[in-house]
Amino acid sequence: MKDEAKILKIHCKALGIPSGSAEIFIKKSITAAEKSLKNRKIITKNDRVRTITKELKKYNKDLAYVYENYNKII
C-alpha cells in the first residue's frame, strides 16, 4: 500500500494539512486497512480505497472525500 501513501501525501499537501498530522493520519489509516483486509484472499483496488477511506474519515473527512473520489475528479 505504498502507492496509497504517496497519493495521500499529495492530497494532504493540496489540502494544507500539516505534514506531521498527515503522516499520522496516513500511517494509522493504512495500518488499520491492512489489518481489516488481512484475511481476504483477493483484494481489489476498490476494496483498498473503500477501507482506507473509512479509516481516514475518523481523522479528516476532507482528505477521505478527496481520496475516495480521486479517480472521479476531472
C-alpha atoms as a PDB file:
ATOM      1  CA  MET A   1       0.000   0.000   0.000  1.00  0.00           C
ATOM      2  CA  LYS A   2       2.953   2.276  -0.582  1.00  0.00           C
ATOM      3  CA  ASP A   3       1.253   3.799  -3.616  1.00  0.00           C
ATOM      4  CA  GLU A   4      -1.702   4.826  -1.476  1.00  0.00           C
ATOM      5  CA  ALA A   5       0.633   6.533   0.993  1.00  0.00           C
ATOM      6  CA  LYS A   6       2.232   8.582  -1.783  1.00  0.00           C
ATOM      7  CA  ILE A   7      -1.155   9.611  -3.164  1.00  0.00           C
ATOM      8  CA  LEU A   8      -2.400  10.509   0.297  1.00  0.00           C
ATOM      9  CA  LYS A   9       0.673  12.674   0.957  1.00  0.00           C
ATOM     10  CA  ILE A  10      -0.027  14.608  -2.226  1.00  0.00           C
ATOM     11  CA  HIS A  11      -3.663  15.102  -1.218  1.00  0.00           C
ATOM     12  CA  CYS A  12      -2.656  16.243   2.267  1.00  0.00           C
ATOM     13  CA  LYS A  13      -0.307  18.818   0.828  1.00  0.00           C
ATOM     14  CA  ALA A  14      -3.020  20.066  -1.544  1.00  0.00           C
ATOM     15  CA  LEU A  15      -5.475  20.380   1.354  1.00  0.00           C
ATOM     16  CA  GLY A  16      -2.940  22.218   3.515  1.00  0.00           C
ATOM     17  CA  ILE A  17      -2.752  19.531   6.185  1.00  0.00           C
ATOM     18  CA  PRO A  18       0.462  19.854   8.212  1.00  0.00           C
ATOM     19  CA  SER A  19       2.970  17.148   7.319  1.00  0.00           C
ATOM     20  CA  GLY A  20       3.190  15.785  10.873  1.00  0.00           C
ATOM     21  CA  SER A  21      -0.544  15.308  11.094  1.00  0.00           C
ATOM     22  CA  ALA A  22      -0.651  13.894   7.584  1.00  0.00           C
ATOM     23  CA  GLU A  23       1.938  11.247   8.442  1.00  0.00           C
ATOM     24  CA  ILE A  24      -0.098  10.160  11.461  1.00  0.00           C
ATOM     25  CA  PHE A  25      -3.384  10.043   9.511  1.00  0.00           C
ATOM     26  CA  ILE A  26      -1.809   8.075   6.692  1.00  0.00           C
ATOM     27  CA  LYS A  27       0.048   5.598   8.887  1.00  0.00           C
ATOM     28  CA  LYS A  28      -2.926   4.848  11.136  1.00  0.00           C
ATOM     29  CA  SER A  29      -5.373   4.578   8.243  1.00  0.00           C
ATOM     30  CA  ILE A  30      -3.222   2.290   6.129  1.00  0.00           C
ATOM     31  CA  THR A  31      -2.304   0.103   9.118  1.00  0.00           C
ATOM     32  CA  ALA A  32      -5.957  -0.325  10.071  1.00  0.00           C
ATOM     33  CA  ALA A  33      -6.935  -1.016   6.446  1.00  0.00           C
ATOM     34  CA  GLU A  34      -4.224  -3.661   6.088  1.00  0.00           C
ATOM     35  CA  LYS A  35      -5.391  -5.291   9.292  1.00  0.00           C
ATOM     36  CA  SER A  36      -9.025  -5.437   8.192  1.00  0.00           C
ATOM     37  CA  LEU A  37      -8.159  -6.799   4.727  1.00  0.00           C
ATOM     38  CA  LYS A  38      -5.596  -9.270   6.052  1.00  0.00           C
ATOM     39  CA  ASN A  39      -7.799 -12.376   5.883  1.00  0.00           C
ATOM     40  CA  ARG A  40      -9.113 -11.826   2.361  1.00  0.00           C
ATOM     41  CA  LYS A  41      -7.715 -13.962  -0.425  1.00  0.00           C
ATOM     42  CA  ILE A  42      -8.405 -11.425  -3.148  1.00  0.00           C
ATOM     43  CA  ILE A  43      -8.168  -7.685  -2.533  1.00  0.00           C
ATOM     44  CA  THR A  44      -9.215  -5.286  -5.264  1.00  0.00           C
ATOM     45  CA  LYS A  45      -8.211  -1.662  -5.596  1.00  0.00           C
ATOM     46  CA  ASN A  46     -11.778  -0.688  -4.714  1.00  0.00           C
ATOM     47  CA  ASP A  47     -11.506  -2.728  -1.505  1.00  0.00           C
ATOM     48  CA  ARG A  48      -8.345  -0.846  -0.552  1.00  0.00           C
ATOM     49  CA  VAL A  49      -9.824   2.559  -1.389  1.00  0.00           C
ATOM     50  CA  ARG A  50     -13.060   1.844   0.484  1.00  0.00           C
ATOM     51  CA  THR A  51     -11.243   0.558   3.573  1.00  0.00           C
ATOM     52  CA  ILE A  52      -8.676   3.365   3.696  1.00  0.00           C
ATOM     53  CA  THR A  53     -11.429   5.945   3.148  1.00  0.00           C
ATOM     54  CA  LYS A  54     -13.400   4.512   6.063  1.00  0.00           C
ATOM     55  CA  GLU A  55     -10.363   4.903   8.303  1.00  0.00           C
ATOM     56  CA  LEU A  56      -9.498   8.390   7.004  1.00  0.00           C
ATOM     57  CA  LYS A  57     -12.984   9.628   7.885  1.00  0.00           C
ATOM     58  CA  LYS A  58     -12.038   9.204  11.543  1.00  0.00           C
ATOM     59  CA  TYR A  59      -9.246  11.766  11.172  1.00  0.00           C
ATOM     60  CA  ASN A  60     -10.103  14.132   8.334  1.00  0.00           C
ATOM     61  CA  LYS A  61     -13.305  13.996   6.301  1.00  0.00           C
ATOM     62  CA  ASP A  62     -11.999  16.305   3.564  1.00  0.00           C
ATOM     63  CA  LEU A  63      -8.995  14.080   2.964  1.00  0.00           C
ATOM     64  CA  ALA A  64     -11.222  10.992   2.934  1.00  0.00           C
ATOM     65  CA  TYR A  65     -13.515  12.605   0.364  1.00  0.00           C
ATOM     66  CA  VAL A  66     -10.667  13.645  -1.933  1.00  0.00           C
ATOM     67  CA  TYR A  67      -9.024  10.217  -1.710  1.00  0.00           C
ATOM     68  CA  GLU A  68     -12.288   8.366  -2.323  1.00  0.00           C
ATOM     69  CA  ASN A  69     -13.119  10.490  -5.371  1.00  0.00           C
ATOM     70  CA  TYR A  70      -9.585  10.874  -6.723  1.00  0.00           C
ATOM     71  CA  ASN A  71     -10.217   8.927  -9.930  1.00  0.00           C
ATOM     72  CA  LYS A  72     -13.607  10.547 -10.398  1.00  0.00           C
ATOM     73  CA  ILE A  73     -12.418  14.160 -10.202  1.00  0.00           C
ATOM     74  CA  ILE A  74     -11.794  15.769 -13.556  1.00  0.00           C
END
